[in-house]
Amino acid sequence: MSPWPIAELIPHAGDMILLDAVLEHDADHVRCTHKVAADGLLHAADGRLPAWAGVELMAQAIAAWAGCTARAKGRPVRLGLLLGTRQYRCNVTGFPPGSTLTVSARREFSDATGMGVFVCRIEAPGVLAEAKLTVFSPPDATALFATALSHD
């Protein structure tokens, strides 16, 4: 279990924090949990969390891995961006209320510029979702966005 609360690991706030906790993490892997509530910001009318929200759960697991890695080194948590998703497959149309999902991400590639590729899974009884996510965590997000905004 992570010594840090999930809110201190990812740059989200309030209802946009979907994960509940980090169960384990190491240099290349993280495993998190999410208990599906009966209602919420992204939920369908039937109470299910739509399968497409699995991509956000995976992205937050990657953010939690990056947050744990930064905290362990005494560094601040950095902003990260989801650039793309490949081969997202999910065997359900929605994650049922009351189910506890295990969300894992394993680093397949990363470089000094902040680019990374992670293989991700969501598992629960009767549930399996898998995808490869490409992410980018700029060393200085403020400068990146200031440059981008100055071109508008």
N, C-alpha and C. Protein backbone atom coordinates (compact mmCIF):
# COMPACT_ATOMS: atom_id res chain seq x y z
N MET A 1 0.85 -1.18 0.00
CA MET A 1 0.00 0.00 0.00
C MET A 1 0.89 1.24 0.00
N SER A 2 0.50 2.22 -0.77
CA SER A 2 1.25 3.47 -0.86
C SER A 2 1.14 4.25 0.45
N PRO A 3 2.23 4.88 0.88
CA PRO A 3 2.14 5.70 2.08
C PRO A 3 1.46 7.05 1.82
N TRP A 4 1.16 7.36 0.55
CA TRP A 4 0.55 8.64 0.21
C TRP A 4 -0.90 8.44 -0.23
N PRO A 5 -1.78 9.34 0.19
CA PRO A 5 -3.17 9.27 -0.30
C PRO A 5 -3.19 9.55 -1.80
N ILE A 6 -4.14 8.98 -2.49
CA ILE A 6 -4.23 9.11 -3.94
C ILE A 6 -4.31 10.58 -4.36
N ALA A 7 -4.96 11.43 -3.58
CA ALA A 7 -5.10 12.85 -3.93
C ALA A 7 -3.75 13.57 -3.94
N GLU A 8 -2.74 13.01 -3.29
CA GLU A 8 -1.41 13.61 -3.29
C GLU A 8 -0.53 13.07 -4.42
N LEU A 9 -1.05 12.12 -5.19
CA LEU A 9 -0.26 11.48 -6.22
C LEU A 9 -0.64 11.87 -7.64
N ILE A 10 -1.88 12.29 -7.83
CA ILE A 10 -2.33 12.64 -9.17
C ILE A 10 -2.83 14.08 -9.18
N PRO A 11 -2.63 14.77 -10.31
CA PRO A 11 -3.03 16.18 -10.39
C PRO A 11 -4.50 16.36 -10.74
N HIS A 12 -5.37 15.70 -10.02
CA HIS A 12 -6.81 15.81 -10.18
C HIS A 12 -7.40 16.29 -8.86
N ALA A 13 -8.66 16.69 -8.91
CA ALA A 13 -9.31 17.14 -7.67
C ALA A 13 -10.77 16.70 -7.66
N GLY A 14 -11.31 16.62 -6.47
CA GLY A 14 -12.73 16.33 -6.29
C GLY A 14 -13.20 15.06 -6.97
N ASP A 15 -14.34 15.16 -7.67
CA ASP A 15 -14.95 14.00 -8.31
C ASP A 15 -14.13 13.43 -9.46
N MET A 16 -13.14 14.16 -9.94
CA MET A 16 -12.31 13.64 -11.04
C MET A 16 -11.26 12.65 -10.55
N ILE A 17 -11.09 12.52 -9.26
CA ILE A 17 -10.21 11.46 -8.74
C ILE A 17 -11.03 10.18 -8.70
N LEU A 18 -10.75 9.28 -9.62
CA LEU A 18 -11.52 8.05 -9.70
C LEU A 18 -10.93 6.91 -8.89
N LEU A 19 -9.61 6.87 -8.77
CA LEU A 19 -8.98 5.78 -8.03
C LEU A 19 -9.14 5.97 -6.53
N ASP A 20 -9.14 4.86 -5.80
CA ASP A 20 -9.27 4.92 -4.34
C ASP A 20 -7.92 4.84 -3.63
N ALA A 21 -7.03 4.00 -4.15
CA ALA A 21 -5.75 3.80 -3.46
C ALA A 21 -4.76 3.11 -4.38
N VAL A 22 -3.49 3.26 -4.04
CA VAL A 22 -2.41 2.50 -4.69
C VAL A 22 -2.10 1.31 -3.80
N LEU A 23 -2.25 0.11 -4.33
CA LEU A 23 -1.97 -1.10 -3.57
C LEU A 23 -0.48 -1.41 -3.54
N GLU A 24 0.17 -1.21 -4.69
CA GLU A 24 1.61 -1.46 -4.77
C GLU A 24 2.19 -0.70 -5.95
N HIS A 25 3.47 -0.40 -5.83
CA HIS A 25 4.17 0.24 -6.94
C HIS A 25 5.65 -0.09 -6.83
N ASP A 26 6.31 -0.10 -7.98
CA ASP A 26 7.75 -0.24 -8.03
C ASP A 26 8.25 0.58 -9.21
N ALA A 27 9.47 0.35 -9.63
CA ALA A 27 10.08 1.16 -10.68
C ALA A 27 9.36 1.09 -12.02
N ASP A 28 8.61 0.02 -12.26
CA ASP A 28 7.97 -0.15 -13.56
C ASP A 28 6.49 -0.47 -13.53
N HIS A 29 5.90 -0.55 -12.34
CA HIS A 29 4.55 -1.09 -12.24
C HIS A 29 3.77 -0.41 -11.11
N VAL A 30 2.47 -0.33 -11.30
CA VAL A 30 1.58 0.14 -10.23
C VAL A 30 0.30 -0.69 -10.29
N ARG A 31 -0.30 -0.89 -9.13
CA ARG A 31 -1.58 -1.57 -9.02
C ARG A 31 -2.46 -0.76 -8.09
N CYS A 32 -3.63 -0.37 -8.57
CA CYS A 32 -4.54 0.52 -7.83
C CYS A 32 -5.93 -0.12 -7.74
N THR A 33 -6.79 0.50 -6.93
CA THR A 33 -8.17 0.04 -6.83
C THR A 33 -9.15 1.17 -7.09
N HIS A 34 -10.33 0.76 -7.55
CA HIS A 34 -11.46 1.67 -7.72
C HIS A 34 -12.73 0.90 -7.39
N LYS A 35 -13.44 1.34 -6.38
CA LYS A 35 -14.74 0.74 -6.05
C LYS A 35 -15.80 1.51 -6.81
N VAL A 36 -16.53 0.83 -7.66
CA VAL A 36 -17.53 1.48 -8.50
C VAL A 36 -18.75 1.83 -7.65
N ALA A 37 -19.02 3.11 -7.56
CA ALA A 37 -20.19 3.60 -6.82
C ALA A 37 -21.43 3.42 -7.68
N ALA A 38 -22.60 3.64 -7.11
CA ALA A 38 -23.85 3.53 -7.85
C ALA A 38 -24.13 4.77 -8.68
N ASP A 39 -23.43 5.85 -8.38
CA ASP A 39 -23.59 7.08 -9.15
C ASP A 39 -22.27 7.83 -9.15
N GLY A 40 -22.16 8.77 -10.03
CA GLY A 40 -20.93 9.54 -10.11
C GLY A 40 -20.91 10.36 -11.37
N LEU A 41 -19.88 11.13 -11.50
CA LEU A 41 -19.73 12.07 -12.60
C LEU A 41 -19.82 11.40 -13.97
N LEU A 42 -19.26 10.25 -14.14
CA LEU A 42 -19.19 9.58 -15.44
C LEU A 42 -20.19 8.44 -15.62
N HIS A 43 -21.01 8.18 -14.62
CA HIS A 43 -21.88 7.00 -14.63
C HIS A 43 -23.06 7.14 -15.59
N ALA A 44 -23.47 5.98 -16.14
CA ALA A 44 -24.65 5.90 -17.00
C ALA A 44 -25.91 5.87 -16.13
N ALA A 45 -27.05 6.01 -16.77
CA ALA A 45 -28.33 6.03 -16.05
C ALA A 45 -28.57 4.73 -15.27
N ASP A 46 -28.03 3.61 -15.74
CA ASP A 46 -28.24 2.33 -15.05
C ASP A 46 -27.27 2.13 -13.88
N GLY A 47 -26.45 3.13 -13.58
CA GLY A 47 -25.53 3.05 -12.45
C GLY A 47 -24.17 2.49 -12.79
N ARG A 48 -24.02 1.97 -13.99
CA ARG A 48 -22.73 1.42 -14.40
C ARG A 48 -21.78 2.54 -14.79
N LEU A 49 -20.50 2.29 -14.54
CA LEU A 49 -19.45 3.17 -15.03
C LEU A 49 -19.16 2.67 -16.45
N PRO A 50 -19.41 3.49 -17.47
CA PRO A 50 -19.23 3.01 -18.85
C PRO A 50 -17.83 2.46 -19.11
N ALA A 51 -17.76 1.48 -19.99
CA ALA A 51 -16.47 0.84 -20.30
C ALA A 51 -15.45 1.85 -20.80
N TRP A 52 -15.89 2.89 -21.52
CA TRP A 52 -14.94 3.87 -22.03
C TRP A 52 -14.23 4.60 -20.90
N ALA A 53 -14.82 4.66 -19.71
CA ALA A 53 -14.17 5.31 -18.56
C ALA A 53 -12.96 4.51 -18.08
N GLY A 54 -12.85 3.27 -18.55
CA GLY A 54 -11.68 2.47 -18.22
C GLY A 54 -10.38 3.12 -18.68
N VAL A 55 -10.43 3.84 -19.79
CA VAL A 55 -9.24 4.54 -20.27
C VAL A 55 -8.80 5.59 -19.25
N GLU A 56 -9.74 6.30 -18.67
CA GLU A 56 -9.40 7.30 -17.64
C GLU A 56 -8.85 6.62 -16.39
N LEU A 57 -9.43 5.49 -16.00
CA LEU A 57 -8.89 4.76 -14.85
C LEU A 57 -7.45 4.34 -15.10
N MET A 58 -7.18 3.86 -16.31
CA MET A 58 -5.81 3.47 -16.67
C MET A 58 -4.87 4.67 -16.64
N ALA A 59 -5.32 5.78 -17.20
CA ALA A 59 -4.49 6.99 -17.21
C ALA A 59 -4.20 7.46 -15.79
N GLN A 60 -5.19 7.37 -14.91
CA GLN A 60 -4.96 7.76 -13.52
C GLN A 60 -4.02 6.80 -12.82
N ALA A 61 -4.04 5.53 -13.18
CA ALA A 61 -3.07 4.59 -12.60
C ALA A 61 -1.66 4.97 -13.01
N ILE A 62 -1.48 5.36 -14.26
CA ILE A 62 -0.16 5.83 -14.72
C ILE A 62 0.24 7.08 -13.96
N ALA A 63 -0.70 8.00 -13.78
CA ALA A 63 -0.42 9.21 -13.00
C ALA A 63 -0.04 8.86 -11.57
N ALA A 64 -0.71 7.86 -10.99
CA ALA A 64 -0.38 7.44 -9.62
C ALA A 64 1.02 6.83 -9.57
N TRP A 65 1.39 6.06 -10.60
CA TRP A 65 2.75 5.52 -10.68
C TRP A 65 3.76 6.66 -10.72
N ALA A 66 3.51 7.64 -11.57
CA ALA A 66 4.42 8.79 -11.68
C ALA A 66 4.47 9.57 -10.37
N GLY A 67 3.33 9.72 -9.72
CA GLY A 67 3.29 10.41 -8.43
C GLY A 67 4.06 9.67 -7.36
N CYS A 68 3.91 8.35 -7.28
CA CYS A 68 4.67 7.55 -6.32
C CYS A 68 6.16 7.65 -6.60
N THR A 69 6.53 7.58 -7.88
CA THR A 69 7.94 7.66 -8.26
C THR A 69 8.51 9.02 -7.85
N ALA A 70 7.78 10.09 -8.11
CA ALA A 70 8.24 11.44 -7.74
C ALA A 70 8.34 11.58 -6.23
N ARG A 71 7.31 11.19 -5.50
CA ARG A 71 7.30 11.31 -4.04
C ARG A 71 8.45 10.53 -3.41
N ALA A 72 8.71 9.34 -3.92
CA ALA A 72 9.79 8.51 -3.38
C ALA A 72 11.15 9.18 -3.55
N LYS A 73 11.27 10.02 -4.57
CA LYS A 73 12.52 10.74 -4.81
C LYS A 73 12.51 12.15 -4.23
N GLY A 74 11.45 12.50 -3.48
CA GLY A 74 11.35 13.82 -2.87
C GLY A 74 11.05 14.93 -3.85
N ARG A 75 10.47 14.57 -5.00
CA ARG A 75 10.15 15.55 -6.04
C ARG A 75 8.65 15.82 -6.07
N PRO A 76 8.26 16.96 -6.63
CA PRO A 76 6.82 17.24 -6.74
C PRO A 76 6.16 16.40 -7.83
N VAL A 77 4.87 16.21 -7.71
CA VAL A 77 4.09 15.51 -8.70
C VAL A 77 3.97 16.41 -9.93
N ARG A 78 4.17 15.82 -11.12
CA ARG A 78 4.10 16.59 -12.36
C ARG A 78 2.82 16.30 -13.12
N LEU A 79 2.42 17.25 -13.93
CA LEU A 79 1.28 17.10 -14.81
C LEU A 79 1.62 16.09 -15.90
N GLY A 80 0.67 15.27 -16.27
CA GLY A 80 0.85 14.33 -17.36
C GLY A 80 -0.31 14.43 -18.33
N LEU A 81 -0.05 14.09 -19.56
CA LEU A 81 -1.06 14.16 -20.62
C LEU A 81 -1.22 12.80 -21.28
N LEU A 82 -2.45 12.40 -21.50
CA LEU A 82 -2.74 11.19 -22.25
C LEU A 82 -2.70 11.56 -23.73
N LEU A 83 -1.78 10.97 -24.47
CA LEU A 83 -1.65 11.27 -25.90
C LEU A 83 -2.44 10.31 -26.77
N GLY A 84 -2.55 9.07 -26.34
CA GLY A 84 -3.26 8.11 -27.17
C GLY A 84 -3.49 6.79 -26.48
N THR A 85 -4.44 6.05 -27.04
CA THR A 85 -4.80 4.73 -26.54
C THR A 85 -4.80 3.78 -27.72
N ARG A 86 -4.16 2.64 -27.55
CA ARG A 86 -4.14 1.63 -28.60
C ARG A 86 -4.74 0.33 -28.07
N GLN A 87 -5.52 -0.29 -28.92
CA GLN A 87 -6.04 -1.62 -28.67
C GLN A 87 -6.83 -1.73 -27.36
N TYR A 88 -7.68 -0.73 -27.07
CA TYR A 88 -8.52 -0.84 -25.87
C TYR A 88 -9.58 -1.90 -26.12
N ARG A 89 -9.59 -2.89 -25.26
CA ARG A 89 -10.58 -3.96 -25.32
C ARG A 89 -11.17 -4.13 -23.92
N CYS A 90 -12.48 -4.27 -23.88
CA CYS A 90 -13.15 -4.49 -22.61
C CYS A 90 -14.27 -5.49 -22.85
N ASN A 91 -14.39 -6.45 -21.96
CA ASN A 91 -15.38 -7.52 -22.16
C ASN A 91 -16.76 -7.18 -21.59
N VAL A 92 -16.93 -5.97 -21.05
CA VAL A 92 -18.24 -5.54 -20.55
C VAL A 92 -18.54 -4.15 -21.13
N THR A 93 -19.81 -3.79 -21.18
CA THR A 93 -20.18 -2.45 -21.67
C THR A 93 -20.10 -1.41 -20.56
N GLY A 94 -20.10 -1.90 -19.32
CA GLY A 94 -19.99 -0.99 -18.17
C GLY A 94 -19.54 -1.77 -16.94
N PHE A 95 -18.87 -1.06 -16.05
CA PHE A 95 -18.40 -1.68 -14.81
C PHE A 95 -19.52 -1.58 -13.78
N PRO A 96 -19.98 -2.72 -13.23
CA PRO A 96 -21.16 -2.73 -12.36
C PRO A 96 -20.94 -2.04 -11.01
N PRO A 97 -21.96 -1.34 -10.53
CA PRO A 97 -21.88 -0.72 -9.21
C PRO A 97 -21.58 -1.76 -8.14
N GLY A 98 -20.76 -1.38 -7.20
CA GLY A 98 -20.39 -2.28 -6.10
C GLY A 98 -19.16 -3.13 -6.39
N SER A 99 -18.74 -3.20 -7.66
CA SER A 99 -17.56 -4.01 -7.96
C SER A 99 -16.29 -3.24 -7.62
N THR A 100 -15.28 -3.98 -7.23
CA THR A 100 -13.97 -3.39 -6.96
C THR A 100 -13.06 -3.76 -8.10
N LEU A 101 -12.58 -2.75 -8.80
CA LEU A 101 -11.71 -2.94 -9.95
C LEU A 101 -10.25 -2.82 -9.52
N THR A 102 -9.42 -3.69 -10.03
CA THR A 102 -7.98 -3.58 -9.86
C THR A 102 -7.44 -3.02 -11.17
N VAL A 103 -6.79 -1.87 -11.08
CA VAL A 103 -6.28 -1.18 -12.26
C VAL A 103 -4.76 -1.21 -12.18
N SER A 104 -4.12 -1.80 -13.19
CA SER A 104 -2.67 -1.89 -13.16
C SER A 104 -2.08 -1.29 -14.43
N ALA A 105 -0.85 -0.80 -14.29
CA ALA A 105 -0.11 -0.25 -15.42
C ALA A 105 1.34 -0.68 -15.29
N ARG A 106 1.91 -1.13 -16.39
CA ARG A 106 3.32 -1.54 -16.42
C ARG A 106 4.02 -0.72 -17.51
N ARG A 107 5.11 -0.06 -17.09
CA ARG A 107 5.87 0.76 -18.03
C ARG A 107 6.56 -0.14 -19.04
N GLU A 108 6.31 0.15 -20.30
CA GLU A 108 6.95 -0.57 -21.39
C GLU A 108 8.10 0.25 -21.98
N PHE A 109 7.94 1.58 -21.94
CA PHE A 109 8.94 2.48 -22.50
C PHE A 109 8.80 3.84 -21.83
N SER A 110 9.92 4.50 -21.61
CA SER A 110 9.91 5.92 -21.22
C SER A 110 11.26 6.50 -21.58
N ASP A 111 11.28 7.82 -21.75
CA ASP A 111 12.54 8.48 -22.06
C ASP A 111 12.67 9.77 -21.26
N ALA A 112 13.80 10.42 -21.40
CA ALA A 112 14.11 11.62 -20.62
C ALA A 112 13.24 12.82 -20.99
N THR A 113 12.60 12.80 -22.15
CA THR A 113 11.75 13.93 -22.55
C THR A 113 10.39 13.89 -21.87
N GLY A 114 10.05 12.76 -21.26
CA GLY A 114 8.76 12.63 -20.60
C GLY A 114 7.76 11.75 -21.33
N MET A 115 8.16 11.19 -22.47
CA MET A 115 7.28 10.29 -23.21
C MET A 115 7.28 8.92 -22.55
N GLY A 116 6.14 8.25 -22.60
CA GLY A 116 6.06 6.91 -22.03
C GLY A 116 4.94 6.09 -22.65
N VAL A 117 5.11 4.78 -22.61
CA VAL A 117 4.09 3.84 -23.07
C VAL A 117 3.89 2.83 -21.94
N PHE A 118 2.62 2.59 -21.60
CA PHE A 118 2.28 1.68 -20.52
C PHE A 118 1.26 0.66 -21.01
N VAL A 119 1.43 -0.58 -20.58
CA VAL A 119 0.46 -1.64 -20.82
C VAL A 119 -0.43 -1.68 -19.57
N CYS A 120 -1.74 -1.55 -19.79
CA CYS A 120 -2.67 -1.41 -18.66
C CYS A 120 -3.75 -2.49 -18.69
N ARG A 121 -4.24 -2.79 -17.49
CA ARG A 121 -5.32 -3.77 -17.32
C ARG A 121 -6.27 -3.31 -16.22
N ILE A 122 -7.53 -3.68 -16.41
CA ILE A 122 -8.54 -3.54 -15.36
C ILE A 122 -9.14 -4.92 -15.17
N GLU A 123 -9.16 -5.37 -13.92
CA GLU A 123 -9.68 -6.70 -13.63
C GLU A 123 -10.62 -6.67 -12.44
N ALA A 124 -11.62 -7.52 -12.51
CA ALA A 124 -12.57 -7.79 -11.43
C ALA A 124 -13.25 -9.10 -11.83
N PRO A 125 -13.97 -9.73 -10.93
CA PRO A 125 -14.68 -10.95 -11.34
C PRO A 125 -15.56 -10.68 -12.56
N GLY A 126 -15.30 -11.39 -13.64
CA GLY A 126 -16.08 -11.24 -14.87
C GLY A 126 -15.72 -10.02 -15.70
N VAL A 127 -14.68 -9.30 -15.32
CA VAL A 127 -14.30 -8.06 -16.01
C VAL A 127 -12.83 -8.13 -16.41
N LEU A 128 -12.58 -7.77 -17.66
CA LEU A 128 -11.20 -7.62 -18.13
C LEU A 128 -11.17 -6.53 -19.19
N ALA A 129 -10.34 -5.53 -18.97
CA ALA A 129 -10.09 -4.48 -19.96
C ALA A 129 -8.59 -4.36 -20.11
N GLU A 130 -8.14 -4.15 -21.34
CA GLU A 130 -6.72 -4.03 -21.61
C GLU A 130 -6.49 -2.94 -22.65
N ALA A 131 -5.35 -2.26 -22.55
CA ALA A 131 -4.97 -1.25 -23.53
C ALA A 131 -3.52 -0.88 -23.35
N LYS A 132 -3.00 -0.21 -24.35
CA LYS A 132 -1.68 0.39 -24.29
C LYS A 132 -1.89 1.90 -24.37
N LEU A 133 -1.37 2.64 -23.40
CA LEU A 133 -1.53 4.08 -23.38
C LEU A 133 -0.20 4.77 -23.59
N THR A 134 -0.22 5.81 -24.40
CA THR A 134 0.95 6.66 -24.61
C THR A 134 0.71 7.95 -23.85
N VAL A 135 1.70 8.34 -23.05
CA VAL A 135 1.57 9.51 -22.19
C VAL A 135 2.78 10.43 -22.36
N PHE A 136 2.60 11.66 -21.91
CA PHE A 136 3.69 12.63 -21.94
C PHE A 136 3.61 13.45 -20.67
N SER A 137 4.73 13.55 -19.96
CA SER A 137 4.83 14.37 -18.76
C SER A 137 5.98 15.36 -18.98
N PRO A 138 5.64 16.57 -19.42
CA PRO A 138 6.71 17.53 -19.73
C PRO A 138 7.47 17.93 -18.47
N PRO A 139 8.78 18.10 -18.59
CA PRO A 139 9.57 18.51 -17.43
C PRO A 139 9.11 19.84 -16.85
N ASP A 140 8.61 20.75 -17.71
CA ASP A 140 8.11 22.05 -17.25
C ASP A 140 6.80 22.34 -17.97
N ALA A 141 5.70 21.89 -17.40
CA ALA A 141 4.39 22.05 -18.03
C ALA A 141 3.99 23.52 -18.14
N THR A 142 4.37 24.32 -17.17
CA THR A 142 4.03 25.75 -17.21
C THR A 142 4.63 26.40 -18.45
N ALA A 143 5.90 26.14 -18.71
CA ALA A 143 6.56 26.71 -19.89
C ALA A 143 5.93 26.16 -21.17
N LEU A 144 5.60 24.87 -21.20
CA LEU A 144 5.00 24.27 -22.38
C LEU A 144 3.69 24.94 -22.71
N PHE A 145 2.82 25.12 -21.70
CA PHE A 145 1.51 25.71 -21.95
C PHE A 145 1.61 27.21 -22.22
N ALA A 146 2.56 27.89 -21.62
CA ALA A 146 2.76 29.31 -21.89
C ALA A 146 3.17 29.51 -23.35
N THR A 147 4.04 28.64 -23.84
CA THR A 147 4.46 28.71 -25.24
C THR A 147 3.28 28.40 -26.16
N ALA A 148 2.51 27.38 -25.84
CA ALA A 148 1.37 27.01 -26.65
C ALA A 148 0.32 28.13 -26.69
N LEU A 149 0.07 28.75 -25.56
CA LEU A 149 -0.93 29.82 -25.50
C LEU A 149 -0.46 31.08 -26.19
N SER A 150 0.82 31.33 -26.23
CA SER A 150 1.34 32.54 -26.88
C SER A 150 1.22 32.45 -28.40
N HIS A 151 0.97 31.27 -28.92
CA HIS A 151 0.82 31.11 -30.37
C HIS A 151 -0.62 31.26 -30.82
N ASP A 152 -1.54 31.45 -29.91
CA ASP A 152 -2.96 31.61 -30.28
C ASP A 152 -3.26 33.01 -30.73
